[in-house]
Amino acid sequence: MSIWKEFVKGLWDENPVLVLLLGMCPTLAVTSSAVNGLGMGLATVFVLFGSNVVISLMRSIIPKKIRIPVYIVVIATFVTMVDLAMKAYAPPSLNAALGIFIPLIVVNCIVLGRAEAFASKNGIVSSMADGLGMGIGFTVALVTLGGVREFVSAGSFFEYKVIIPWKTTFMLPSQSPGAFIILGLFLALMNYINTKKAAKEGRTYEPPEGVDCKHCRLCDLGNAEDD
């Protein structure tokens, strides 16, 4: 796969939020506004890019038995850098909104997943493209979700009042139930577009390997309990 394809796959075909359904905790928790989504997304881009580079460089010397602790140490280093930088330079309101979710990037399944599934098996240039693409895809999803929630809630975008007469805040989109509803609509639209695109090409849409029903074992577990 070319470097360009490694980069663009994270923007659409394997978008961490809209296709792989990873990082749902920060996705739902911090996207009450576009600014919060952008702040969380950029922090994750930095950690993804940096950890992918370091892990790719070290992949041949990391013992397999302790690879996960090593990955977490590398990721935690970059998270600490982001956390300190944001506390020093980011607006206080953004720091307060993101709160514990910046340190929790250490255990974000997107970051650790790319380290294990890609950076540990590929060269530095491919790992850089993968980390950057996945991070930007994550950021775009968060900003879009946050922007829609903010606009529907208060008629503003990036804290700029788009509809000035809008005086009363619509609470549902800014709360957790609204986040679930709007994200569900995003996922439905994503699946509709992918299905229509596949139909035009004369094929059946297949989700990325590992996220479709063929790789789910919940039904098997239920049948085992019934037996």
C-alpha atoms as a PDB file:
ATOM      1  CA  MET A   1       0.000   0.000   0.000  1.00  0.00           C
ATOM      2  CA  SER A   2       1.344   3.461  -0.917  1.00  0.00           C
ATOM      3  CA  ILE A   3       2.138   6.135   1.651  1.00  0.00           C
ATOM      4  CA  TRP A   4      -0.805   8.204   0.386  1.00  0.00           C
ATOM      5  CA  LYS A   5      -3.218   5.316   0.871  1.00  0.00           C
ATOM      6  CA  GLU A   6      -1.885   4.750   4.377  1.00  0.00           C
ATOM      7  CA  PHE A   7      -2.680   8.385   5.122  1.00  0.00           C
ATOM      8  CA  VAL A   8      -6.142   8.709   3.556  1.00  0.00           C
ATOM      9  CA  LYS A   9      -7.542   5.438   4.926  1.00  0.00           C
ATOM     10  CA  GLY A  10      -7.951   7.075   8.342  1.00  0.00           C
ATOM     11  CA  LEU A  11      -9.934   9.946   6.879  1.00  0.00           C
ATOM     12  CA  TRP A  12     -12.805   7.822   5.537  1.00  0.00           C
ATOM     13  CA  ASP A  13     -12.461   4.068   4.880  1.00  0.00           C
ATOM     14  CA  GLU A  14     -11.086   3.332   8.370  1.00  0.00           C
ATOM     15  CA  ASN A  15     -12.095   6.472  10.236  1.00  0.00           C
ATOM     16  CA  PRO A  16     -11.503   5.704  13.944  1.00  0.00           C
ATOM     17  CA  VAL A  17     -14.847   7.118  15.067  1.00  0.00           C
ATOM     18  CA  LEU A  18     -17.248   6.692  12.157  1.00  0.00           C
ATOM     19  CA  VAL A  19     -16.104   3.258  10.941  1.00  0.00           C
ATOM     20  CA  LEU A  20     -13.983   1.515  13.575  1.00  0.00           C
ATOM     21  CA  LEU A  21     -16.013   2.959  16.507  1.00  0.00           C
ATOM     22  CA  LEU A  22     -12.896   3.564  18.598  1.00  0.00           C
ATOM     23  CA  GLY A  23     -12.346   6.286  21.182  1.00  0.00           C
ATOM     24  CA  MET A  24     -16.040   6.557  22.010  1.00  0.00           C
ATOM     25  CA  CYS A  25     -15.425   7.903  25.519  1.00  0.00           C
ATOM     26  CA  PRO A  26     -13.767  11.212  24.490  1.00  0.00           C
ATOM     27  CA  THR A  27     -15.890  11.350  21.341  1.00  0.00           C
ATOM     28  CA  LEU A  28     -19.105  11.532  23.339  1.00  0.00           C
ATOM     29  CA  ALA A  29     -17.776  13.341  26.392  1.00  0.00           C
ATOM     30  CA  VAL A  30     -15.881  16.355  25.030  1.00  0.00           C
ATOM     31  CA  THR A  31     -17.719  17.190  21.802  1.00  0.00           C
ATOM     32  CA  SER A  32     -20.232  19.613  23.272  1.00  0.00           C
ATOM     33  CA  SER A  33     -18.576  22.258  21.069  1.00  0.00           C
ATOM     34  CA  ALA A  34     -16.353  22.403  17.991  1.00  0.00           C
ATOM     35  CA  VAL A  35     -13.531  24.025  20.003  1.00  0.00           C
ATOM     36  CA  ASN A  36     -13.439  21.145  22.471  1.00  0.00           C
ATOM     37  CA  GLY A  37     -13.438  18.621  19.630  1.00  0.00           C
ATOM     38  CA  LEU A  38     -10.562  20.420  17.906  1.00  0.00           C
ATOM     39  CA  GLY A  39      -8.502  20.595  21.106  1.00  0.00           C
ATOM     40  CA  MET A  40      -8.978  16.905  21.869  1.00  0.00           C
ATOM     41  CA  GLY A  41      -8.326  15.942  18.246  1.00  0.00           C
ATOM     42  CA  LEU A  42      -5.071  17.893  17.922  1.00  0.00           C
ATOM     43  CA  ALA A  43      -3.771  16.477  21.194  1.00  0.00           C
ATOM     44  CA  THR A  44      -4.496  12.968  19.917  1.00  0.00           C
ATOM     45  CA  VAL A  45      -2.836  13.709  16.556  1.00  0.00           C
ATOM     46  CA  PHE A  46       0.395  14.672  18.320  1.00  0.00           C
ATOM     47  CA  VAL A  47       0.383  11.569  20.516  1.00  0.00           C
ATOM     48  CA  LEU A  48      -0.508   9.241  17.621  1.00  0.00           C
ATOM     49  CA  PHE A  49       2.147  10.674  15.334  1.00  0.00           C
ATOM     50  CA  GLY A  50       4.905  10.726  17.950  1.00  0.00           C
ATOM     51  CA  SER A  51       4.211   7.294  19.417  1.00  0.00           C
ATOM     52  CA  ASN A  52       3.965   5.701  15.967  1.00  0.00           C
ATOM     53  CA  VAL A  53       7.362   7.124  15.003  1.00  0.00           C
ATOM     54  CA  VAL A  54       9.119   6.014  18.187  1.00  0.00           C
ATOM     55  CA  ILE A  55       7.552   2.550  18.262  1.00  0.00           C
ATOM     56  CA  SER A  56       8.359   1.998  14.593  1.00  0.00           C
ATOM     57  CA  LEU A  57      11.992   2.937  15.237  1.00  0.00           C
ATOM     58  CA  MET A  58      12.166   0.596  18.257  1.00  0.00           C
ATOM     59  CA  ARG A  59      10.142  -2.287  16.839  1.00  0.00           C
ATOM     60  CA  SER A  60      13.151  -4.541  16.254  1.00  0.00           C
ATOM     61  CA  ILE A  61      14.529  -4.191  19.791  1.00  0.00           C
ATOM     62  CA  ILE A  62      11.304  -4.391  21.852  1.00  0.00           C
ATOM     63  CA  PRO A  63      10.847  -7.903  23.329  1.00  0.00           C
ATOM     64  CA  LYS A  64       7.435  -9.303  22.394  1.00  0.00           C
ATOM     65  CA  LYS A  65       6.587 -10.304  25.956  1.00  0.00           C
ATOM     66  CA  ILE A  66       6.803  -6.727  27.261  1.00  0.00           C
ATOM     67  CA  ARG A  67       5.756  -4.825  24.149  1.00  0.00           C
ATOM     68  CA  ILE A  68       2.468  -3.509  25.602  1.00  0.00           C
ATOM     69  CA  PRO A  69       4.103  -1.950  28.719  1.00  0.00           C
ATOM     70  CA  VAL A  70       6.754  -0.425  26.451  1.00  0.00           C
ATOM     71  CA  TYR A  71       4.091   1.012  24.147  1.00  0.00           C
ATOM     72  CA  ILE A  72       2.250   2.512  27.121  1.00  0.00           C
ATOM     73  CA  VAL A  73       5.446   4.146  28.432  1.00  0.00           C
ATOM     74  CA  VAL A  74       6.107   5.687  25.004  1.00  0.00           C
ATOM     75  CA  ILE A  75       2.512   6.883  24.665  1.00  0.00           C
ATOM     76  CA  ALA A  76       2.479   8.244  28.235  1.00  0.00           C
ATOM     77  CA  THR A  77       5.587  10.300  27.466  1.00  0.00           C
ATOM     78  CA  PHE A  78       3.880  12.091  24.593  1.00  0.00           C
ATOM     79  CA  VAL A  79       0.656  12.495  26.582  1.00  0.00           C
ATOM     80  CA  THR A  80       2.604  14.145  29.401  1.00  0.00           C
ATOM     81  CA  MET A  81       4.159  16.559  26.904  1.00  0.00           C
ATOM     82  CA  VAL A  82       0.721  17.465  25.518  1.00  0.00           C
ATOM     83  CA  ASP A  83      -0.809  17.800  28.973  1.00  0.00           C
ATOM     84  CA  LEU A  84       1.910  20.162  30.229  1.00  0.00           C
ATOM     85  CA  ALA A  85       1.847  22.218  27.018  1.00  0.00           C
ATOM     86  CA  MET A  86      -1.923  22.641  27.199  1.00  0.00           C
ATOM     87  CA  LYS A  87      -1.814  23.644  30.846  1.00  0.00           C
ATOM     88  CA  ALA A  88       0.795  26.274  29.962  1.00  0.00           C
ATOM     89  CA  TYR A  89      -0.636  27.681  26.731  1.00  0.00           C
ATOM     90  CA  ALA A  90      -4.225  26.546  26.128  1.00  0.00           C
ATOM     91  CA  PRO A  91      -7.174  28.702  27.265  1.00  0.00           C
ATOM     92  CA  PRO A  92      -8.338  27.815  30.796  1.00  0.00           C
ATOM     93  CA  SER A  93     -11.833  27.068  29.506  1.00  0.00           C
ATOM     94  CA  LEU A  94     -10.468  24.438  27.099  1.00  0.00           C
ATOM     95  CA  ASN A  95      -8.365  22.847  29.837  1.00  0.00           C
ATOM     96  CA  ALA A  96     -11.384  22.692  32.107  1.00  0.00           C
ATOM     97  CA  ALA A  97     -13.568  21.160  29.370  1.00  0.00           C
ATOM     98  CA  LEU A  98     -11.080  18.453  28.374  1.00  0.00           C
ATOM     99  CA  GLY A  99      -9.993  17.759  31.953  1.00  0.00           C
ATOM    100  CA  ILE A 100      -9.110  14.137  32.636  1.00  0.00           C
ATOM    101  CA  PHE A 101      -9.600  13.135  28.987  1.00  0.00           C
ATOM    102  CA  ILE A 102      -6.136  14.418  27.999  1.00  0.00           C
ATOM    103  CA  PRO A 103      -4.301  12.096  30.455  1.00  0.00           C
ATOM    104  CA  LEU A 104      -6.659   9.293  29.415  1.00  0.00           C
ATOM    105  CA  ILE A 105      -5.204   9.387  25.888  1.00  0.00           C
ATOM    106  CA  VAL A 106      -2.638   6.979  27.381  1.00  0.00           C
ATOM    107  CA  VAL A 107      -5.248   4.222  27.308  1.00  0.00           C
ATOM    108  CA  ASN A 108      -7.122   5.421  24.219  1.00  0.00           C
ATOM    109  CA  CYS A 109      -7.708   2.326  22.092  1.00  0.00           C
ATOM    110  CA  ILE A 110      -6.943   4.267  18.905  1.00  0.00           C
ATOM    111  CA  VAL A 111      -3.391   5.124  19.997  1.00  0.00           C
ATOM    112  CA  LEU A 112      -2.535   1.754  21.509  1.00  0.00           C
ATOM    113  CA  GLY A 113      -4.258  -0.046  18.632  1.00  0.00           C
ATOM    114  CA  ARG A 114      -2.175   1.709  15.968  1.00  0.00           C
ATOM    115  CA  ALA A 115       0.992   0.984  17.927  1.00  0.00           C
ATOM    116  CA  GLU A 116       0.196  -2.729  18.125  1.00  0.00           C
ATOM    117  CA  ALA A 117      -1.455  -3.227  14.744  1.00  0.00           C
ATOM    118  CA  PHE A 118       0.656  -0.966  12.550  1.00  0.00           C
ATOM    119  CA  ALA A 119       3.693   0.889  13.942  1.00  0.00           C
ATOM    120  CA  SER A 120       5.211  -2.272  15.422  1.00  0.00           C
ATOM    121  CA  LYS A 121       5.095  -3.964  12.011  1.00  0.00           C
ATOM    122  CA  ASN A 122       5.941  -1.192   9.531  1.00  0.00           C
ATOM    123  CA  GLY A 123       8.634   1.322   8.684  1.00  0.00           C
ATOM    124  CA  ILE A 124       8.844   4.868   9.988  1.00  0.00           C
ATOM    125  CA  VAL A 125       7.441   6.660   6.917  1.00  0.00           C
ATOM    126  CA  SER A 126       4.387   4.393   6.705  1.00  0.00           C
ATOM    127  CA  SER A 127       3.880   4.705  10.462  1.00  0.00           C
ATOM    128  CA  MET A 128       4.050   8.491  10.231  1.00  0.00           C
ATOM    129  CA  ALA A 129       1.411   8.495   7.484  1.00  0.00           C
ATOM    130  CA  ASP A 130      -0.792   6.076   9.437  1.00  0.00           C
ATOM    131  CA  GLY A 131      -0.590   8.067  12.666  1.00  0.00           C
ATOM    132  CA  LEU A 132      -1.217  11.387  10.941  1.00  0.00           C
ATOM    133  CA  GLY A 133      -4.127  10.062   8.879  1.00  0.00           C
ATOM    134  CA  MET A 134      -5.823   8.344  11.806  1.00  0.00           C
ATOM    135  CA  GLY A 135      -5.302  11.408  13.997  1.00  0.00           C
ATOM    136  CA  ILE A 136      -6.715  13.828  11.424  1.00  0.00           C
ATOM    137  CA  GLY A 137      -9.653  11.495  10.780  1.00  0.00           C
ATOM    138  CA  PHE A 138     -10.343  11.416  14.516  1.00  0.00           C
ATOM    139  CA  THR A 139     -10.080  15.215  14.706  1.00  0.00           C
ATOM    140  CA  VAL A 140     -12.421  15.797  11.763  1.00  0.00           C
ATOM    141  CA  ALA A 141     -15.013  13.475  13.297  1.00  0.00           C
ATOM    142  CA  LEU A 142     -14.789  15.230  16.687  1.00  0.00           C
ATOM    143  CA  VAL A 143     -14.969  18.734  15.215  1.00  0.00           C
ATOM    144  CA  THR A 144     -17.911  17.818  12.992  1.00  0.00           C
ATOM    145  CA  LEU A 145     -19.816  16.160  15.839  1.00  0.00           C
ATOM    146  CA  GLY A 146     -18.987  19.007  18.212  1.00  0.00           C
ATOM    147  CA  GLY A 147     -19.925  21.628  15.621  1.00  0.00           C
ATOM    148  CA  VAL A 148     -23.311  20.041  14.951  1.00  0.00           C
ATOM    149  CA  ARG A 149     -24.068  19.671  18.660  1.00  0.00           C
ATOM    150  CA  GLU A 150     -23.022  23.262  19.343  1.00  0.00           C
ATOM    151  CA  PHE A 151     -25.039  24.672  16.441  1.00  0.00           C
ATOM    152  CA  VAL A 152     -28.211  22.727  17.202  1.00  0.00           C
ATOM    153  CA  SER A 153     -27.875  23.563  20.883  1.00  0.00           C
ATOM    154  CA  ALA A 154     -27.122  27.290  20.745  1.00  0.00           C
ATOM    155  CA  GLY A 155     -26.963  28.437  17.117  1.00  0.00           C
ATOM    156  CA  SER A 156     -23.204  28.980  17.308  1.00  0.00           C
ATOM    157  CA  PHE A 157     -20.091  27.456  15.726  1.00  0.00           C
ATOM    158  CA  PHE A 158     -16.619  27.641  17.278  1.00  0.00           C
ATOM    159  CA  GLU A 159     -18.269  29.825  19.940  1.00  0.00           C
ATOM    160  CA  TYR A 160     -19.276  32.368  17.279  1.00  0.00           C
ATOM    161  CA  LYS A 161     -22.986  33.152  17.256  1.00  0.00           C
ATOM    162  CA  VAL A 162     -24.193  32.237  13.766  1.00  0.00           C
ATOM    163  CA  ILE A 163     -27.892  32.864  14.468  1.00  0.00           C
ATOM    164  CA  ILE A 164     -27.920  35.982  16.640  1.00  0.00           C
ATOM    165  CA  PRO A 165     -31.639  35.920  17.622  1.00  0.00           C
ATOM    166  CA  TRP A 166     -31.121  32.400  19.053  1.00  0.00           C
ATOM    167  CA  LYS A 167     -31.405  33.169  22.753  1.00  0.00           C
ATOM    168  CA  THR A 168     -32.571  29.920  24.394  1.00  0.00           C
ATOM    169  CA  THR A 169     -30.145  26.995  24.584  1.00  0.00           C
ATOM    170  CA  PHE A 170     -31.553  23.636  23.445  1.00  0.00           C
ATOM    171  CA  MET A 171     -30.168  21.370  26.161  1.00  0.00           C
ATOM    172  CA  LEU A 172     -30.561  17.899  24.588  1.00  0.00           C
ATOM    173  CA  PRO A 173     -27.731  18.125  21.976  1.00  0.00           C
ATOM    174  CA  SER A 174     -25.274  19.423  24.570  1.00  0.00           C
ATOM    175  CA  GLN A 175     -25.946  16.503  26.933  1.00  0.00           C
ATOM    176  CA  SER A 176     -24.959  12.823  26.712  1.00  0.00           C
ATOM    177  CA  PRO A 177     -28.266  11.576  25.216  1.00  0.00           C
ATOM    178  CA  GLY A 178     -27.938  14.144  22.438  1.00  0.00           C
ATOM    179  CA  ALA A 179     -24.376  13.022  21.742  1.00  0.00           C
ATOM    180  CA  PHE A 180     -25.555   9.421  21.292  1.00  0.00           C
ATOM    181  CA  ILE A 181     -28.417  10.449  19.004  1.00  0.00           C
ATOM    182  CA  ILE A 182     -26.313  12.697  16.752  1.00  0.00           C
ATOM    183  CA  LEU A 183     -23.464  10.192  16.576  1.00  0.00           C
ATOM    184  CA  GLY A 184     -25.987   7.505  15.624  1.00  0.00           C
ATOM    185  CA  LEU A 185     -27.223   9.711  12.779  1.00  0.00           C
ATOM    186  CA  PHE A 186     -23.616  10.217  11.643  1.00  0.00           C
ATOM    187  CA  LEU A 187     -23.013   6.470  11.609  1.00  0.00           C
ATOM    188  CA  ALA A 188     -26.236   5.837   9.691  1.00  0.00           C
ATOM    189  CA  LEU A 189     -25.240   8.439   7.079  1.00  0.00           C
ATOM    190  CA  MET A 190     -21.745   6.957   6.809  1.00  0.00           C
ATOM    191  CA  ASN A 191     -23.137   3.459   6.233  1.00  0.00           C
ATOM    192  CA  TYR A 192     -25.660   4.765   3.703  1.00  0.00           C
ATOM    193  CA  ILE A 193     -22.952   6.535   1.673  1.00  0.00           C
ATOM    194  CA  ASN A 194     -20.645   3.497   1.733  1.00  0.00           C
ATOM    195  CA  THR A 195     -23.494   1.150   0.759  1.00  0.00           C
ATOM    196  CA  LYS A 196     -24.620   3.349  -2.144  1.00  0.00           C
ATOM    197  CA  LYS A 197     -21.026   3.739  -3.345  1.00  0.00           C
ATOM    198  CA  ALA A 198     -20.492  -0.032  -3.278  1.00  0.00           C
ATOM    199  CA  ALA A 199     -23.783  -0.613  -5.123  1.00  0.00           C
ATOM    200  CA  LYS A 200     -22.744   1.757  -7.922  1.00  0.00           C
ATOM    201  CA  GLU A 201     -19.508  -0.218  -8.265  1.00  0.00           C
ATOM    202  CA  GLY A 202     -21.464  -3.481  -8.482  1.00  0.00           C
ATOM    203  CA  ARG A 203     -20.317  -4.927  -5.176  1.00  0.00           C
ATOM    204  CA  THR A 204     -21.542  -5.397  -1.623  1.00  0.00           C
ATOM    205  CA  TYR A 205     -20.209  -3.056   1.042  1.00  0.00           C
ATOM    206  CA  GLU A 206     -17.923  -4.895   3.462  1.00  0.00           C
ATOM    207  CA  PRO A 207     -16.828  -3.168   6.702  1.00  0.00           C
ATOM    208  CA  PRO A 208     -13.088  -3.215   7.498  1.00  0.00           C
ATOM    209  CA  GLU A 209     -11.900  -6.579   8.762  1.00  0.00           C
ATOM    210  CA  GLY A 210     -12.563  -7.021  12.449  1.00  0.00           C
ATOM    211  CA  VAL A 211     -15.615  -4.748  12.791  1.00  0.00           C
ATOM    212  CA  ASP A 212     -18.271  -6.791  11.005  1.00  0.00           C
ATOM    213  CA  CYS A 213     -20.543  -9.589  12.240  1.00  0.00           C
ATOM    214  CA  LYS A 214     -18.203 -12.293  10.932  1.00  0.00           C
ATOM    215  CA  HIS A 215     -15.673 -11.326  13.601  1.00  0.00           C
ATOM    216  CA  CYS A 216     -18.149 -10.974  16.478  1.00  0.00           C
ATOM    217  CA  ARG A 217     -18.476 -13.846  18.967  1.00  0.00           C
ATOM    218  CA  LEU A 218     -21.319 -12.488  21.149  1.00  0.00           C
ATOM    219  CA  CYS A 219     -23.884 -14.732  19.482  1.00  0.00           C
ATOM    220  CA  ASP A 220     -21.684 -17.775  20.100  1.00  0.00           C
ATOM    221  CA  LEU A 221     -21.424 -16.839  23.762  1.00  0.00           C
ATOM    222  CA  GLY A 222     -25.213 -16.542  24.012  1.00  0.00           C
ATOM    223  CA  ASN A 223     -25.720 -19.933  22.388  1.00  0.00           C
ATOM    224  CA  ALA A 224     -23.168 -21.497  24.727  1.00  0.00           C
ATOM    225  CA  GLU A 225     -25.072 -20.174  27.749  1.00  0.00           C
ATOM    226  CA  ASP A 226     -28.334 -21.576  26.387  1.00  0.00           C
ATOM    227  CA  ASP A 227     -26.734 -24.995  25.969  1.00  0.00           C
END
